[in-house]
Amino acid sequence: MPLISFARWRLLGSSISDMPALAAPGPDLLLMAELKRLGNNLNQLVRLFHREKHEPPIGLDGVLDEIRRLINRELAGDR
């Protein structure tokens, strides 16, 4: 609740126990958009690896694990 709304709520005589519950924050939309772009880039790389019959680069598994961790953290609301 914005500060001005809280102040209005209290100044008009409402008690804190009557205050509406705060909504849980949603996922960070900018982070989710960036992760989506990153996923698209990874898909393009994987297609190239398959088409050219190259082995994936060393360390790719770690990058994918970190992306999964960020997505799961964001969806769980743990910031």
C-alpha atoms as a PDB file:
ATOM      1  CA  MET A   1       0.000   0.000   0.000  1.00  0.00           C
ATOM      2  CA  PRO A   2       1.474   3.377  -0.929  1.00  0.00           C
ATOM      3  CA  LEU A   3       2.336   5.676   1.968  1.00  0.00           C
ATOM      4  CA  ILE A   4      -0.341   8.194   0.998  1.00  0.00           C
ATOM      5  CA  SER A   5      -3.014   5.490   1.044  1.00  0.00           C
ATOM      6  CA  PHE A   6      -1.862   4.286   4.454  1.00  0.00           C
ATOM      7  CA  ALA A   7      -1.862   7.847   5.812  1.00  0.00           C
ATOM      8  CA  ARG A   8      -5.364   8.461   4.472  1.00  0.00           C
ATOM      9  CA  TRP A   9      -6.496   5.145   5.969  1.00  0.00           C
ATOM     10  CA  ARG A  10      -5.177   6.062   9.421  1.00  0.00           C
ATOM     11  CA  LEU A  11      -6.245   9.725   9.337  1.00  0.00           C
ATOM     12  CA  LEU A  12      -9.803   8.770   8.524  1.00  0.00           C
ATOM     13  CA  GLY A  13      -9.940   6.704  11.706  1.00  0.00           C
ATOM     14  CA  SER A  14      -9.552   3.177  10.399  1.00  0.00           C
ATOM     15  CA  SER A  15      -7.598   0.775  12.563  1.00  0.00           C
ATOM     16  CA  ILE A  16      -4.608  -1.153  11.340  1.00  0.00           C
ATOM     17  CA  SER A  17      -6.452  -4.419  11.946  1.00  0.00           C
ATOM     18  CA  ASP A  18      -9.060  -3.284   9.375  1.00  0.00           C
ATOM     19  CA  MET A  19      -6.409  -2.572   6.762  1.00  0.00           C
ATOM     20  CA  PRO A  20      -6.727  -4.729   3.639  1.00  0.00           C
ATOM     21  CA  ALA A  21      -4.139  -7.450   3.193  1.00  0.00           C
ATOM     22  CA  LEU A  22      -1.246  -6.632   0.920  1.00  0.00           C
ATOM     23  CA  ALA A  23      -1.029  -8.554  -2.304  1.00  0.00           C
ATOM     24  CA  ALA A  24       1.968 -10.814  -2.699  1.00  0.00           C
ATOM     25  CA  PRO A  25       4.496  -9.405  -5.156  1.00  0.00           C
ATOM     26  CA  GLY A  26       4.468 -11.026  -8.565  1.00  0.00           C
ATOM     27  CA  PRO A  27       7.433 -12.094 -10.629  1.00  0.00           C
ATOM     28  CA  ASP A  28       9.896  -9.447 -11.764  1.00  0.00           C
ATOM     29  CA  LEU A  29       8.691  -8.871 -15.321  1.00  0.00           C
ATOM     30  CA  LEU A  30      11.985  -7.372 -16.505  1.00  0.00           C
ATOM     31  CA  LEU A  31      13.934 -10.361 -15.217  1.00  0.00           C
ATOM     32  CA  MET A  32      11.463 -12.765 -16.789  1.00  0.00           C
ATOM     33  CA  ALA A  33      11.739 -10.942 -20.145  1.00  0.00           C
ATOM     34  CA  GLU A  34      15.538 -11.119 -19.972  1.00  0.00           C
ATOM     35  CA  LEU A  35      15.406 -14.821 -19.126  1.00  0.00           C
ATOM     36  CA  LYS A  36      13.089 -15.365 -22.091  1.00  0.00           C
ATOM     37  CA  ARG A  37      15.585 -13.660 -24.424  1.00  0.00           C
ATOM     38  CA  LEU A  38      18.360 -15.746 -22.931  1.00  0.00           C
ATOM     39  CA  GLY A  39      16.326 -18.899 -23.510  1.00  0.00           C
ATOM     40  CA  ASN A  40      15.750 -17.939 -27.137  1.00  0.00           C
ATOM     41  CA  ASN A  41      19.492 -17.452 -27.636  1.00  0.00           C
ATOM     42  CA  LEU A  42      20.215 -20.814 -26.028  1.00  0.00           C
ATOM     43  CA  ASN A  43      17.698 -22.503 -28.327  1.00  0.00           C
ATOM     44  CA  GLN A  44      19.468 -21.027 -31.347  1.00  0.00           C
ATOM     45  CA  LEU A  45      22.820 -22.298 -30.061  1.00  0.00           C
ATOM     46  CA  VAL A  46      21.453 -25.791 -29.481  1.00  0.00           C
ATOM     47  CA  ARG A  47      20.008 -25.887 -33.002  1.00  0.00           C
ATOM     48  CA  LEU A  48      23.408 -24.875 -34.372  1.00  0.00           C
ATOM     49  CA  PHE A  49      25.176 -27.569 -32.323  1.00  0.00           C
ATOM     50  CA  HIS A  50      22.798 -30.215 -33.634  1.00  0.00           C
ATOM     51  CA  ARG A  51      22.904 -29.038 -37.233  1.00  0.00           C
ATOM     52  CA  GLU A  52      26.709 -28.771 -37.324  1.00  0.00           C
ATOM     53  CA  LYS A  53      27.164 -31.865 -35.123  1.00  0.00           C
ATOM     54  CA  HIS A  54      29.262 -29.948 -32.575  1.00  0.00           C
ATOM     55  CA  GLU A  55      29.571 -30.833 -28.928  1.00  0.00           C
ATOM     56  CA  PRO A  56      28.036 -28.287 -26.542  1.00  0.00           C
ATOM     57  CA  PRO A  57      30.635 -26.007 -24.952  1.00  0.00           C
ATOM     58  CA  ILE A  58      32.130 -26.945 -21.611  1.00  0.00           C
ATOM     59  CA  GLY A  59      30.273 -25.165 -18.843  1.00  0.00           C
ATOM     60  CA  LEU A  60      26.917 -25.019 -20.608  1.00  0.00           C
ATOM     61  CA  ASP A  61      25.362 -27.279 -17.964  1.00  0.00           C
ATOM     62  CA  GLY A  62      26.368 -24.807 -15.254  1.00  0.00           C
ATOM     63  CA  VAL A  63      24.816 -21.916 -17.175  1.00  0.00           C
ATOM     64  CA  LEU A  64      21.589 -23.858 -17.657  1.00  0.00           C
ATOM     65  CA  ASP A  65      21.498 -24.762 -13.958  1.00  0.00           C
ATOM     66  CA  GLU A  66      21.898 -21.092 -13.021  1.00  0.00           C
ATOM     67  CA  ILE A  67      19.091 -20.079 -15.385  1.00  0.00           C
ATOM     68  CA  ARG A  68      16.834 -22.753 -13.889  1.00  0.00           C
ATOM     69  CA  ARG A  69      17.717 -21.534 -10.387  1.00  0.00           C
ATOM     70  CA  LEU A  70      16.827 -17.938 -11.295  1.00  0.00           C
ATOM     71  CA  ILE A  71      13.532 -18.954 -12.874  1.00  0.00           C
ATOM     72  CA  ASN A  72      12.557 -21.130  -9.910  1.00  0.00           C
ATOM     73  CA  ARG A  73      13.559 -18.428  -7.425  1.00  0.00           C
ATOM     74  CA  GLU A  74      11.552 -15.810  -9.286  1.00  0.00           C
ATOM     75  CA  LEU A  75       8.469 -17.986  -9.631  1.00  0.00           C
ATOM     76  CA  ALA A  76       8.652 -18.876  -5.934  1.00  0.00           C
ATOM     77  CA  GLY A  77       8.887 -15.178  -5.035  1.00  0.00           C
ATOM     78  CA  ASP A  78      12.247 -15.544  -3.232  1.00  0.00           C
ATOM     79  CA  ARG A  79      14.087 -12.312  -3.955  1.00  0.00           C
END
